[in-house]
Amino acid sequence: MARAVRVAGLQGAERAEAAATAGNKGGTWIALLATSTTPGLSRVTASGPWFQELSNGTFVRTYNNVANLQTSALASIDTDEQGQTISMQSSRAFWSGMTQDGMTADTCNDWTSDTATGRLGNGTVLGSLSTGCNQSLRLLCIEQSRLPPPPPSSTIRKRVFLTSTSFGGNVGGLTGADARCRMAATAGNKGGTWIALLATSTTPGLSRVTASGPW
């Protein structure tokens, strides 16, 4: 999921929204970048805390508040928008334009050039070192608004959803309907095991539910 630096300034850098949409995240997002006229942390309107959302539905607390952004992350930032772990430390580098304490540094000519230099962060701090803007690094996307904050992980919490696609009555019986639910859950990066809540003339719908909830 690396992004090239030519992102047409901060407006182009809001590829964070597209990445969040691809990861079925909801909320509103920005790329945490500074420019020569705009300190990166001044763009953060939320107060935290912030979590990384893993593919299995659990959350890892990463920052407590804005001040925490200026120090070190509570947990290494190693998760992409799909909840997948970025395994290699060298692959976790992201553009920031900031020093470790959040002060503006090299910004690739305000993120419009691939011939200047830009400051990068790694999996722990916002600012590490500068490199050529022709490099392809990731963007650190931070959520601006979402209420309430992500709940703690629960091993008993189950989920429900309506499929984004509509179907006629011939879905291939219960087997076909279950398969469509599983495909939708996979597309939405849900994890877990799923069924379509349907009844037939011989099988009451609720008899097919083996979990006890809550949902």
N, C-alpha and C. Protein backbone atom coordinates (compact mmCIF):
# COMPACT_ATOMS: atom_id res chain seq x y z
N MET A 1 0.82 -1.20 0.00
CA MET A 1 0.00 0.00 0.00
C MET A 1 0.86 1.26 0.00
N ALA A 2 2.11 1.20 -0.46
CA ALA A 2 2.95 2.38 -0.47
C ALA A 2 2.39 3.42 -1.42
N ARG A 3 2.56 4.70 -1.06
CA ARG A 3 2.08 5.79 -1.88
C ARG A 3 3.28 6.59 -2.37
N ALA A 4 3.31 6.97 -3.64
CA ALA A 4 4.35 7.86 -4.13
C ALA A 4 4.11 9.25 -3.58
N VAL A 5 5.16 10.07 -3.54
CA VAL A 5 5.05 11.34 -2.85
C VAL A 5 4.32 12.40 -3.66
N ARG A 6 4.23 12.26 -4.97
CA ARG A 6 3.57 13.28 -5.77
C ARG A 6 2.07 13.19 -5.52
N VAL A 7 1.61 13.89 -4.48
CA VAL A 7 0.21 13.77 -4.07
C VAL A 7 -0.52 15.10 -4.17
N ALA A 8 0.05 16.08 -4.92
CA ALA A 8 -0.62 17.36 -5.18
C ALA A 8 -0.97 18.09 -3.89
N GLY A 9 -0.01 18.18 -2.99
CA GLY A 9 -0.23 18.94 -1.76
C GLY A 9 -1.15 18.21 -0.81
N LEU A 10 -1.63 18.94 0.21
CA LEU A 10 -2.46 18.31 1.24
C LEU A 10 -3.77 17.81 0.68
N GLN A 11 -4.34 18.51 -0.29
CA GLN A 11 -5.60 18.04 -0.86
C GLN A 11 -5.43 16.68 -1.50
N GLY A 12 -4.36 16.51 -2.26
CA GLY A 12 -4.09 15.21 -2.87
C GLY A 12 -3.75 14.16 -1.84
N ALA A 13 -3.15 14.60 -0.73
CA ALA A 13 -2.77 13.65 0.31
C ALA A 13 -3.96 13.07 1.03
N GLU A 14 -5.15 13.60 0.82
CA GLU A 14 -6.31 13.02 1.46
C GLU A 14 -6.72 11.72 0.79
N ARG A 15 -5.75 11.05 0.18
CA ARG A 15 -5.92 9.66 -0.21
C ARG A 15 -6.20 8.81 1.00
N ALA A 16 -5.97 9.41 2.16
CA ALA A 16 -6.32 8.71 3.40
C ALA A 16 -7.79 8.32 3.41
N GLU A 17 -8.66 9.21 2.92
CA GLU A 17 -10.09 8.90 2.88
C GLU A 17 -10.35 7.71 1.97
N ALA A 18 -9.68 7.68 0.81
CA ALA A 18 -9.89 6.56 -0.12
C ALA A 18 -9.41 5.26 0.49
N ALA A 19 -8.27 5.31 1.18
CA ALA A 19 -7.76 4.09 1.81
C ALA A 19 -8.71 3.62 2.91
N ALA A 20 -9.25 4.56 3.70
CA ALA A 20 -10.18 4.20 4.77
C ALA A 20 -11.45 3.59 4.19
N THR A 21 -11.92 4.15 3.07
CA THR A 21 -13.11 3.60 2.42
C THR A 21 -12.84 2.19 1.92
N ALA A 22 -11.66 1.99 1.34
CA ALA A 22 -11.30 0.65 0.84
C ALA A 22 -11.24 -0.35 1.98
N GLY A 23 -10.87 0.12 3.18
CA GLY A 23 -10.79 -0.76 4.33
C GLY A 23 -12.07 -0.82 5.14
N ASN A 24 -13.16 -0.19 4.61
CA ASN A 24 -14.46 -0.24 5.28
C ASN A 24 -14.38 0.33 6.69
N LYS A 25 -13.65 1.47 6.84
CA LYS A 25 -13.38 2.03 8.15
C LYS A 25 -14.47 2.99 8.64
N GLY A 26 -15.14 3.69 7.72
CA GLY A 26 -16.03 4.75 8.17
C GLY A 26 -15.23 5.92 8.71
N GLY A 27 -15.91 6.91 9.30
CA GLY A 27 -15.21 8.03 9.89
C GLY A 27 -14.66 8.99 8.85
N THR A 28 -13.97 10.05 9.31
CA THR A 28 -13.29 10.99 8.43
C THR A 28 -11.80 10.96 8.77
N TRP A 29 -10.98 11.10 7.75
CA TRP A 29 -9.55 10.83 7.89
C TRP A 29 -8.72 11.89 7.19
N ILE A 30 -7.49 12.11 7.69
CA ILE A 30 -6.49 12.92 6.99
C ILE A 30 -5.19 12.15 6.94
N ALA A 31 -4.33 12.55 6.00
CA ALA A 31 -2.94 12.08 6.02
C ALA A 31 -2.18 13.01 6.95
N LEU A 32 -1.45 12.46 7.89
CA LEU A 32 -0.76 13.28 8.88
C LEU A 32 0.54 13.80 8.27
N LEU A 33 0.44 14.95 7.60
CA LEU A 33 1.55 15.58 6.91
C LEU A 33 1.66 17.04 7.31
N ALA A 34 2.87 17.55 7.36
CA ALA A 34 3.12 18.97 7.56
C ALA A 34 3.49 19.61 6.23
N THR A 35 3.27 20.93 6.11
CA THR A 35 3.80 21.70 4.99
C THR A 35 4.64 22.84 5.55
N SER A 36 5.21 23.63 4.66
CA SER A 36 6.05 24.74 5.10
C SER A 36 5.24 25.80 5.83
N THR A 37 3.94 25.82 5.63
CA THR A 37 3.09 26.83 6.28
C THR A 37 2.11 26.24 7.29
N THR A 38 1.96 24.93 7.32
CA THR A 38 0.97 24.29 8.19
C THR A 38 1.61 23.17 8.99
N PRO A 39 1.81 23.35 10.31
CA PRO A 39 2.34 22.25 11.13
C PRO A 39 1.40 21.05 11.06
N GLY A 40 1.97 19.88 10.95
CA GLY A 40 1.14 18.69 10.78
C GLY A 40 0.16 18.47 11.92
N LEU A 41 0.62 18.67 13.16
CA LEU A 41 -0.26 18.39 14.30
C LEU A 41 -1.38 19.41 14.42
N SER A 42 -1.22 20.60 13.80
CA SER A 42 -2.30 21.59 13.85
C SER A 42 -3.50 21.14 13.02
N ARG A 43 -3.31 20.15 12.16
CA ARG A 43 -4.39 19.65 11.32
C ARG A 43 -5.22 18.59 12.03
N VAL A 44 -4.75 18.14 13.16
CA VAL A 44 -5.46 17.09 13.90
C VAL A 44 -6.53 17.75 14.78
N THR A 45 -7.78 17.51 14.45
CA THR A 45 -8.88 18.13 15.20
C THR A 45 -9.43 17.22 16.29
N ALA A 46 -9.10 15.93 16.25
CA ALA A 46 -9.57 14.99 17.27
C ALA A 46 -8.62 15.02 18.46
N SER A 47 -9.09 14.54 19.60
CA SER A 47 -8.28 14.55 20.81
C SER A 47 -7.75 13.17 21.18
N GLY A 48 -8.11 12.16 20.42
CA GLY A 48 -7.68 10.80 20.74
C GLY A 48 -8.60 10.16 21.77
N PRO A 49 -8.30 8.94 22.21
CA PRO A 49 -7.16 8.12 21.79
C PRO A 49 -7.36 7.52 20.41
N TRP A 50 -6.25 7.02 19.83
CA TRP A 50 -6.29 6.38 18.52
C TRP A 50 -5.84 4.94 18.64
N PHE A 51 -6.47 4.09 17.84
CA PHE A 51 -6.21 2.65 17.87
C PHE A 51 -5.90 2.15 16.46
N GLN A 52 -5.13 1.09 16.37
CA GLN A 52 -5.02 0.35 15.13
C GLN A 52 -6.06 -0.77 15.16
N GLU A 53 -6.79 -0.91 14.05
CA GLU A 53 -7.83 -1.94 13.96
C GLU A 53 -7.29 -3.13 13.19
N LEU A 54 -7.23 -4.27 13.84
CA LEU A 54 -6.68 -5.47 13.22
C LEU A 54 -7.74 -6.22 12.44
N SER A 55 -7.31 -7.11 11.56
CA SER A 55 -8.24 -7.83 10.70
C SER A 55 -9.17 -8.74 11.48
N ASN A 56 -8.80 -9.14 12.71
CA ASN A 56 -9.67 -10.01 13.51
C ASN A 56 -10.65 -9.22 14.37
N GLY A 57 -10.72 -7.89 14.17
CA GLY A 57 -11.69 -7.08 14.89
C GLY A 57 -11.20 -6.52 16.21
N THR A 58 -9.97 -6.82 16.60
CA THR A 58 -9.43 -6.29 17.85
C THR A 58 -8.77 -4.93 17.59
N PHE A 59 -8.57 -4.17 18.67
CA PHE A 59 -8.00 -2.83 18.58
C PHE A 59 -6.75 -2.75 19.45
N VAL A 60 -5.73 -2.09 18.93
CA VAL A 60 -4.48 -1.89 19.66
C VAL A 60 -4.29 -0.39 19.88
N ARG A 61 -4.25 0.04 21.16
CA ARG A 61 -4.08 1.46 21.45
C ARG A 61 -2.69 1.90 20.97
N THR A 62 -2.67 2.97 20.18
CA THR A 62 -1.42 3.43 19.57
C THR A 62 -1.00 4.80 20.09
N TYR A 63 -1.95 5.72 20.25
CA TYR A 63 -1.68 7.04 20.81
C TYR A 63 -2.79 7.40 21.80
N ASN A 64 -2.41 8.01 22.91
CA ASN A 64 -3.41 8.47 23.88
C ASN A 64 -4.03 9.80 23.49
N ASN A 65 -3.22 10.72 22.98
CA ASN A 65 -3.67 12.08 22.70
C ASN A 65 -2.68 12.74 21.74
N VAL A 66 -2.91 14.03 21.42
CA VAL A 66 -2.05 14.73 20.48
C VAL A 66 -0.63 14.84 21.03
N ALA A 67 -0.50 15.11 22.33
CA ALA A 67 0.84 15.20 22.92
C ALA A 67 1.60 13.89 22.74
N ASN A 68 0.90 12.78 22.81
CA ASN A 68 1.52 11.47 22.64
C ASN A 68 2.08 11.31 21.22
N LEU A 69 1.44 11.99 20.24
CA LEU A 69 1.93 11.94 18.87
C LEU A 69 3.35 12.50 18.77
N GLN A 70 3.69 13.42 19.67
CA GLN A 70 4.99 14.08 19.62
C GLN A 70 6.10 13.26 20.28
N THR A 71 5.77 12.14 20.85
CA THR A 71 6.78 11.30 21.51
C THR A 71 6.92 10.00 20.74
N SER A 72 6.59 8.90 21.34
CA SER A 72 6.67 7.60 20.67
C SER A 72 5.33 6.90 20.75
N ALA A 73 4.99 6.17 19.71
CA ALA A 73 3.74 5.43 19.71
C ALA A 73 3.75 4.37 20.82
N LEU A 74 2.58 4.12 21.41
CA LEU A 74 2.47 3.10 22.45
C LEU A 74 2.68 1.70 21.87
N ALA A 75 2.33 1.54 20.61
CA ALA A 75 2.56 0.27 19.90
C ALA A 75 3.04 0.61 18.50
N SER A 76 3.94 -0.17 17.98
CA SER A 76 4.48 0.10 16.65
C SER A 76 3.37 0.16 15.61
N ILE A 77 3.41 1.18 14.75
CA ILE A 77 2.40 1.33 13.71
C ILE A 77 2.76 0.36 12.59
N ASP A 78 2.03 -0.73 12.51
CA ASP A 78 2.38 -1.79 11.57
C ASP A 78 1.16 -2.41 10.91
N THR A 79 0.04 -1.64 10.85
CA THR A 79 -1.22 -2.18 10.33
C THR A 79 -1.73 -1.30 9.20
N ASP A 80 -2.14 -1.89 8.08
CA ASP A 80 -2.68 -1.10 6.98
C ASP A 80 -4.20 -0.99 7.09
N GLU A 81 -4.83 -0.36 6.08
CA GLU A 81 -6.27 -0.11 6.17
C GLU A 81 -7.11 -1.38 6.12
N GLN A 82 -6.52 -2.48 5.69
CA GLN A 82 -7.23 -3.76 5.68
C GLN A 82 -7.03 -4.53 6.97
N GLY A 83 -6.28 -3.96 7.91
CA GLY A 83 -6.01 -4.65 9.16
C GLY A 83 -4.89 -5.65 9.08
N GLN A 84 -4.15 -5.63 7.96
CA GLN A 84 -3.07 -6.58 7.76
C GLN A 84 -1.76 -6.03 8.32
N THR A 85 -0.96 -6.90 8.92
CA THR A 85 0.30 -6.49 9.53
C THR A 85 1.38 -6.28 8.46
N ILE A 86 2.07 -5.16 8.55
CA ILE A 86 3.22 -4.88 7.69
C ILE A 86 4.43 -5.49 8.38
N SER A 87 4.95 -6.55 7.85
CA SER A 87 5.90 -7.37 8.60
C SER A 87 7.29 -6.76 8.69
N MET A 88 7.77 -6.11 7.64
CA MET A 88 9.14 -5.62 7.61
C MET A 88 9.23 -4.21 8.17
N GLN A 89 10.14 -3.97 9.09
CA GLN A 89 10.33 -2.65 9.69
C GLN A 89 10.59 -1.60 8.62
N SER A 90 11.41 -1.93 7.62
CA SER A 90 11.74 -0.96 6.58
C SER A 90 10.53 -0.58 5.74
N SER A 91 9.51 -1.42 5.71
CA SER A 91 8.31 -1.14 4.92
C SER A 91 7.30 -0.29 5.68
N ARG A 92 7.58 0.02 6.95
CA ARG A 92 6.63 0.79 7.74
C ARG A 92 6.89 2.29 7.66
N ALA A 93 7.92 2.71 6.91
CA ALA A 93 8.24 4.13 6.80
C ALA A 93 7.09 4.87 6.12
N PHE A 94 6.82 6.09 6.60
CA PHE A 94 5.75 6.90 6.03
C PHE A 94 6.21 8.35 5.94
N TRP A 95 5.65 9.09 4.98
CA TRP A 95 5.95 10.51 4.85
C TRP A 95 5.30 11.28 6.00
N SER A 96 6.02 12.27 6.54
CA SER A 96 5.43 13.10 7.60
C SER A 96 5.78 14.58 7.45
N GLY A 97 6.98 14.90 6.99
CA GLY A 97 7.40 16.30 6.92
C GLY A 97 7.65 16.90 8.28
N MET A 98 7.85 16.06 9.29
CA MET A 98 7.98 16.53 10.67
C MET A 98 9.19 15.91 11.35
N THR A 99 9.71 16.63 12.35
CA THR A 99 10.68 16.05 13.25
C THR A 99 9.95 15.19 14.28
N GLN A 100 10.70 14.53 15.13
CA GLN A 100 10.08 13.63 16.09
C GLN A 100 9.09 14.35 17.01
N ASP A 101 9.36 15.62 17.34
CA ASP A 101 8.47 16.35 18.24
C ASP A 101 7.38 17.12 17.51
N GLY A 102 7.22 16.87 16.21
CA GLY A 102 6.11 17.46 15.47
C GLY A 102 6.41 18.76 14.78
N MET A 103 7.66 19.24 14.83
CA MET A 103 8.03 20.48 14.14
C MET A 103 8.20 20.20 12.65
N THR A 104 7.86 21.21 11.81
CA THR A 104 7.96 21.04 10.36
C THR A 104 9.41 20.86 9.93
N ALA A 105 9.65 19.92 9.03
CA ALA A 105 10.99 19.66 8.49
C ALA A 105 10.89 19.66 6.96
N ASP A 106 11.54 18.73 6.28
CA ASP A 106 11.51 18.67 4.82
C ASP A 106 10.16 18.13 4.34
N THR A 107 9.55 18.82 3.35
CA THR A 107 8.18 18.49 2.95
C THR A 107 8.01 18.24 1.46
N CYS A 108 9.08 17.88 0.76
CA CYS A 108 8.96 17.61 -0.69
C CYS A 108 8.26 18.76 -1.40
N ASN A 109 8.71 20.00 -1.07
CA ASN A 109 8.07 21.19 -1.64
C ASN A 109 6.57 21.14 -1.44
N ASP A 110 6.19 20.92 -0.19
CA ASP A 110 4.77 20.83 0.20
C ASP A 110 4.04 19.75 -0.58
N TRP A 111 4.73 18.62 -0.76
CA TRP A 111 4.17 17.40 -1.33
C TRP A 111 3.71 17.59 -2.77
N THR A 112 4.49 18.38 -3.51
CA THR A 112 4.20 18.57 -4.93
C THR A 112 5.39 18.22 -5.81
N SER A 113 6.49 17.72 -5.21
CA SER A 113 7.70 17.46 -5.99
C SER A 113 8.27 16.09 -5.64
N ASP A 114 8.89 15.46 -6.63
CA ASP A 114 9.61 14.22 -6.37
C ASP A 114 11.11 14.39 -6.57
N THR A 115 11.57 15.65 -6.60
CA THR A 115 12.99 15.90 -6.77
C THR A 115 13.61 16.56 -5.54
N ALA A 116 12.81 16.93 -4.54
CA ALA A 116 13.32 17.55 -3.32
C ALA A 116 13.58 16.45 -2.28
N THR A 117 13.59 16.84 -1.00
CA THR A 117 13.73 15.87 0.08
C THR A 117 12.53 15.98 1.02
N GLY A 118 12.23 14.89 1.67
CA GLY A 118 11.10 14.84 2.60
C GLY A 118 11.46 14.07 3.85
N ARG A 119 10.91 14.50 4.98
CA ARG A 119 11.16 13.82 6.24
C ARG A 119 10.17 12.66 6.39
N LEU A 120 10.66 11.57 6.90
CA LEU A 120 9.81 10.39 7.07
C LEU A 120 9.76 10.00 8.54
N GLY A 121 8.71 9.27 8.89
CA GLY A 121 8.58 8.63 10.19
C GLY A 121 8.69 7.13 10.01
N ASN A 122 8.76 6.44 11.13
CA ASN A 122 8.80 4.98 11.04
C ASN A 122 7.67 4.41 11.89
N GLY A 123 7.77 3.17 12.28
CA GLY A 123 6.68 2.55 13.01
C GLY A 123 6.48 3.06 14.42
N THR A 124 7.36 3.96 14.90
CA THR A 124 7.27 4.42 16.28
C THR A 124 7.17 5.93 16.42
N VAL A 125 7.93 6.70 15.61
CA VAL A 125 7.98 8.15 15.76
C VAL A 125 7.57 8.84 14.46
N LEU A 126 7.11 10.11 14.59
CA LEU A 126 6.67 10.88 13.43
C LEU A 126 7.84 11.30 12.55
N GLY A 127 8.99 11.60 13.16
CA GLY A 127 10.12 12.09 12.40
C GLY A 127 11.35 11.26 12.64
N SER A 128 11.98 10.79 11.56
CA SER A 128 13.17 9.97 11.70
C SER A 128 14.33 10.60 10.94
N LEU A 129 14.30 10.54 9.62
CA LEU A 129 15.34 11.13 8.79
C LEU A 129 14.71 11.59 7.49
N SER A 130 15.50 12.28 6.66
CA SER A 130 15.02 12.77 5.37
C SER A 130 15.56 11.89 4.25
N THR A 131 14.80 11.83 3.17
CA THR A 131 15.20 11.03 2.03
C THR A 131 14.69 11.70 0.77
N GLY A 132 15.13 11.22 -0.38
CA GLY A 132 14.69 11.78 -1.64
C GLY A 132 13.21 11.55 -1.89
N CYS A 133 12.56 12.56 -2.45
CA CYS A 133 11.11 12.48 -2.65
C CYS A 133 10.72 11.56 -3.80
N ASN A 134 11.71 10.99 -4.47
CA ASN A 134 11.41 10.00 -5.50
C ASN A 134 11.16 8.62 -4.90
N GLN A 135 11.31 8.50 -3.58
CA GLN A 135 11.03 7.23 -2.90
C GLN A 135 9.52 7.03 -2.77
N SER A 136 9.07 5.80 -2.70
CA SER A 136 7.66 5.48 -2.47
C SER A 136 7.49 5.01 -1.03
N LEU A 137 6.84 5.85 -0.23
CA LEU A 137 6.59 5.52 1.16
C LEU A 137 5.09 5.57 1.43
N ARG A 138 4.70 5.09 2.59
CA ARG A 138 3.29 5.07 2.96
C ARG A 138 2.84 6.44 3.49
N LEU A 139 1.54 6.58 3.69
CA LEU A 139 0.98 7.73 4.38
C LEU A 139 0.43 7.25 5.71
N LEU A 140 0.64 8.05 6.75
CA LEU A 140 0.06 7.75 8.06
C LEU A 140 -1.31 8.43 8.11
N CYS A 141 -2.37 7.64 8.13
CA CYS A 141 -3.73 8.16 8.11
C CYS A 141 -4.29 8.15 9.53
N ILE A 142 -4.86 9.28 9.93
CA ILE A 142 -5.37 9.42 11.29
C ILE A 142 -6.83 9.85 11.24
N GLU A 143 -7.63 9.22 12.07
CA GLU A 143 -9.08 9.49 12.07
C GLU A 143 -9.36 10.79 12.80
N GLN A 144 -10.20 11.63 12.17
CA GLN A 144 -10.55 12.91 12.75
C GLN A 144 -11.83 12.85 13.58
N SER A 145 -12.80 12.11 13.12
CA SER A 145 -14.07 12.08 13.85
C SER A 145 -14.67 10.70 13.80
N ARG A 146 -14.97 10.20 14.99
CA ARG A 146 -15.71 8.94 15.13
C ARG A 146 -16.13 8.84 16.57
N LEU A 147 -17.42 8.83 16.82
CA LEU A 147 -17.95 8.73 18.17
C LEU A 147 -18.91 7.54 18.22
N PRO A 148 -18.81 6.71 19.25
CA PRO A 148 -17.81 6.74 20.31
C PRO A 148 -16.50 6.16 19.83
N PRO A 149 -15.40 6.25 20.61
CA PRO A 149 -14.14 5.64 20.23
C PRO A 149 -14.30 4.13 20.07
N PRO A 150 -13.40 3.48 19.36
CA PRO A 150 -13.50 2.03 19.17
C PRO A 150 -13.64 1.31 20.51
N PRO A 151 -14.57 0.38 20.62
CA PRO A 151 -14.76 -0.33 21.88
C PRO A 151 -13.64 -1.32 22.12
N PRO A 152 -13.45 -1.76 23.35
CA PRO A 152 -12.45 -2.79 23.61
C PRO A 152 -12.83 -4.10 22.94
N SER A 153 -11.84 -4.90 22.70
CA SER A 153 -12.09 -6.19 22.06
C SER A 153 -12.96 -7.06 22.94
N SER A 154 -13.85 -7.81 22.31
CA SER A 154 -14.70 -8.74 23.05
C SER A 154 -14.75 -10.06 22.29
N THR A 155 -14.55 -11.13 22.99
CA THR A 155 -14.59 -12.44 22.34
C THR A 155 -16.03 -12.93 22.13
N ILE A 156 -17.01 -12.24 22.75
CA ILE A 156 -18.39 -12.70 22.60
C ILE A 156 -19.20 -11.77 21.72
N ARG A 157 -18.65 -10.62 21.34
CA ARG A 157 -19.41 -9.69 20.51
C ARG A 157 -19.49 -10.22 19.09
N LYS A 158 -20.70 -10.36 18.56
CA LYS A 158 -20.92 -10.80 17.20
C LYS A 158 -21.46 -9.61 16.39
N ARG A 159 -21.47 -9.76 15.07
CA ARG A 159 -21.88 -8.65 14.22
C ARG A 159 -22.97 -9.08 13.24
N VAL A 160 -23.73 -8.12 12.76
CA VAL A 160 -24.70 -8.33 11.70
C VAL A 160 -24.49 -7.25 10.64
N PHE A 161 -24.88 -7.52 9.41
CA PHE A 161 -24.88 -6.49 8.38
C PHE A 161 -25.85 -6.88 7.28
N LEU A 162 -26.32 -5.89 6.51
CA LEU A 162 -27.07 -6.12 5.29
C LEU A 162 -26.09 -6.11 4.13
N THR A 163 -26.25 -7.03 3.18
CA THR A 163 -25.34 -7.05 2.04
C THR A 163 -25.52 -5.78 1.21
N SER A 164 -24.42 -5.31 0.61
CA SER A 164 -24.48 -4.12 -0.24
C SER A 164 -25.13 -4.42 -1.58
N THR A 165 -25.26 -5.70 -1.93
CA THR A 165 -25.89 -6.13 -3.18
C THR A 165 -27.26 -6.71 -2.89
N SER A 166 -28.21 -6.43 -3.75
CA SER A 166 -29.57 -6.99 -3.63
C SER A 166 -29.69 -8.23 -4.51
N PHE A 167 -30.58 -9.16 -4.11
CA PHE A 167 -30.74 -10.42 -4.83
C PHE A 167 -32.21 -10.72 -5.03
N GLY A 168 -32.51 -11.49 -6.09
CA GLY A 168 -33.84 -12.04 -6.25
C GLY A 168 -34.02 -13.22 -5.32
N GLY A 169 -35.18 -13.85 -5.41
CA GLY A 169 -35.48 -14.94 -4.49
C GLY A 169 -34.71 -16.21 -4.75
N ASN A 170 -34.15 -16.36 -5.94
CA ASN A 170 -33.37 -17.56 -6.26
C ASN A 170 -31.90 -17.28 -5.95
N VAL A 171 -31.50 -17.60 -4.75
CA VAL A 171 -30.10 -17.39 -4.34
C VAL A 171 -29.36 -18.72 -4.20
N GLY A 172 -29.95 -19.79 -4.73
CA GLY A 172 -29.29 -21.09 -4.65
C GLY A 172 -29.55 -21.80 -3.34
N GLY A 173 -30.73 -21.55 -2.74
CA GLY A 173 -31.05 -22.19 -1.48
C GLY A 173 -30.22 -21.62 -0.34
N LEU A 174 -30.30 -22.28 0.81
CA LEU A 174 -29.56 -21.81 1.98
C LEU A 174 -28.05 -21.84 1.74
N THR A 175 -27.59 -22.87 1.02
CA THR A 175 -26.16 -22.97 0.75
C THR A 175 -25.67 -21.78 -0.07
N GLY A 176 -26.43 -21.42 -1.10
CA GLY A 176 -26.06 -20.28 -1.93
C GLY A 176 -26.13 -18.97 -1.18
N ALA A 177 -27.16 -18.83 -0.34
CA ALA A 177 -27.30 -17.59 0.43
C ALA A 177 -26.16 -17.44 1.43
N ASP A 178 -25.80 -18.55 2.09
CA ASP A 178 -24.69 -18.50 3.04
C ASP A 178 -23.40 -18.11 2.32
N ALA A 179 -23.20 -18.66 1.12
CA ALA A 179 -21.99 -18.35 0.36
C ALA A 179 -21.93 -16.87 0.02
N ARG A 180 -23.07 -16.28 -0.30
CA ARG A 180 -23.09 -14.84 -0.63
C ARG A 180 -22.77 -14.00 0.60
N CYS A 181 -23.25 -14.42 1.76
CA CYS A 181 -22.90 -13.71 2.99
C CYS A 181 -21.42 -13.81 3.29
N ARG A 182 -20.86 -14.99 3.08
CA ARG A 182 -19.43 -15.16 3.34
C ARG A 182 -18.60 -14.32 2.38
N MET A 183 -19.02 -14.24 1.12
CA MET A 183 -18.30 -13.41 0.15
C MET A 183 -18.38 -11.94 0.54
N ALA A 184 -19.56 -11.50 0.98
CA ALA A 184 -19.70 -10.10 1.40
C ALA A 184 -18.85 -9.81 2.63
N ALA A 185 -18.81 -10.74 3.57
CA ALA A 185 -18.00 -10.55 4.77
C ALA A 185 -16.52 -10.48 4.43
N THR A 186 -16.09 -11.31 3.48
CA THR A 186 -14.70 -11.28 3.05
C THR A 186 -14.37 -9.96 2.36
N ALA A 187 -15.28 -9.49 1.50
CA ALA A 187 -15.07 -8.21 0.81
C ALA A 187 -15.00 -7.06 1.80
N GLY A 188 -15.73 -7.17 2.90
CA GLY A 188 -15.72 -6.14 3.93
C GLY A 188 -14.68 -6.35 5.00
N ASN A 189 -13.80 -7.34 4.78
CA ASN A 189 -12.70 -7.62 5.71
C ASN A 189 -13.22 -7.91 7.12
N LYS A 190 -14.30 -8.69 7.21
CA LYS A 190 -14.95 -8.92 8.50
C LYS A 190 -14.33 -10.04 9.32
N GLY A 191 -13.78 -11.04 8.66
CA GLY A 191 -13.34 -12.20 9.41
C GLY A 191 -14.55 -12.98 9.93
N GLY A 192 -14.32 -13.98 10.76
CA GLY A 192 -15.42 -14.73 11.37
C GLY A 192 -16.08 -15.70 10.40
N THR A 193 -17.13 -16.38 10.89
CA THR A 193 -17.94 -17.27 10.07
C THR A 193 -19.36 -16.74 10.06
N TRP A 194 -20.02 -16.86 8.90
CA TRP A 194 -21.29 -16.16 8.69
C TRP A 194 -22.31 -17.07 8.01
N ILE A 195 -23.61 -16.79 8.29
CA ILE A 195 -24.71 -17.40 7.55
C ILE A 195 -25.68 -16.31 7.15
N ALA A 196 -26.51 -16.63 6.17
CA ALA A 196 -27.64 -15.77 5.83
C ALA A 196 -28.81 -16.17 6.73
N LEU A 197 -29.43 -15.20 7.38
CA LEU A 197 -30.52 -15.51 8.29
C LEU A 197 -31.80 -15.69 7.48
N LEU A 198 -32.00 -16.90 7.00
CA LEU A 198 -33.14 -17.25 6.16
C LEU A 198 -33.82 -18.51 6.69
N ALA A 199 -35.12 -18.57 6.50
CA ALA A 199 -35.88 -19.78 6.81
C ALA A 199 -36.27 -20.47 5.51
N THR A 200 -36.50 -21.78 5.59
CA THR A 200 -37.09 -22.52 4.48
C THR A 200 -38.35 -23.21 4.98
N SER A 201 -39.03 -23.90 4.09
CA SER A 201 -40.27 -24.59 4.48
C SER A 201 -39.99 -25.70 5.48
N THR A 202 -38.76 -26.16 5.55
CA THR A 202 -38.43 -27.27 6.46
C THR A 202 -37.47 -26.86 7.58
N THR A 203 -36.87 -25.69 7.48
CA THR A 203 -35.86 -25.27 8.46
C THR A 203 -36.19 -23.89 9.00
N PRO A 204 -36.62 -23.77 10.26
CA PRO A 204 -36.83 -22.45 10.84
C PRO A 204 -35.52 -21.66 10.82
N GLY A 205 -35.60 -20.37 10.47
CA GLY A 205 -34.41 -19.55 10.35
C GLY A 205 -33.60 -19.48 11.63
N LEU A 206 -34.28 -19.31 12.75
CA LEU A 206 -33.56 -19.14 14.01
C LEU A 206 -32.89 -20.43 14.47
N SER A 207 -33.33 -21.56 13.95
CA SER A 207 -32.69 -22.82 14.33
C SER A 207 -31.30 -22.93 13.74
N ARG A 208 -30.99 -22.10 12.75
CA ARG A 208 -29.69 -22.14 12.11
C ARG A 208 -28.65 -21.31 12.86
N VAL A 209 -29.08 -20.54 13.83
CA VAL A 209 -28.17 -19.67 14.56
C VAL A 209 -27.56 -20.45 15.71
N THR A 210 -26.26 -20.67 15.64
CA THR A 210 -25.57 -21.46 16.68
C THR A 210 -24.89 -20.58 17.71
N ALA A 211 -24.72 -19.28 17.42
CA ALA A 211 -24.08 -18.37 18.38
C ALA A 211 -25.12 -17.84 19.36
N SER A 212 -24.65 -17.39 20.52
CA SER A 212 -25.55 -16.90 21.56
C SER A 212 -25.59 -15.38 21.64
N GLY A 213 -24.75 -14.70 20.83
CA GLY A 213 -24.76 -13.24 20.86
C GLY A 213 -23.93 -12.71 22.03
N PRO A 214 -24.00 -11.39 22.30
CA PRO A 214 -24.83 -10.38 21.62
C PRO A 214 -24.31 -10.05 20.23
N TRP A 215 -25.17 -9.46 19.40
CA TRP A 215 -24.77 -9.06 18.05
C TRP A 215 -24.80 -7.54 17.97
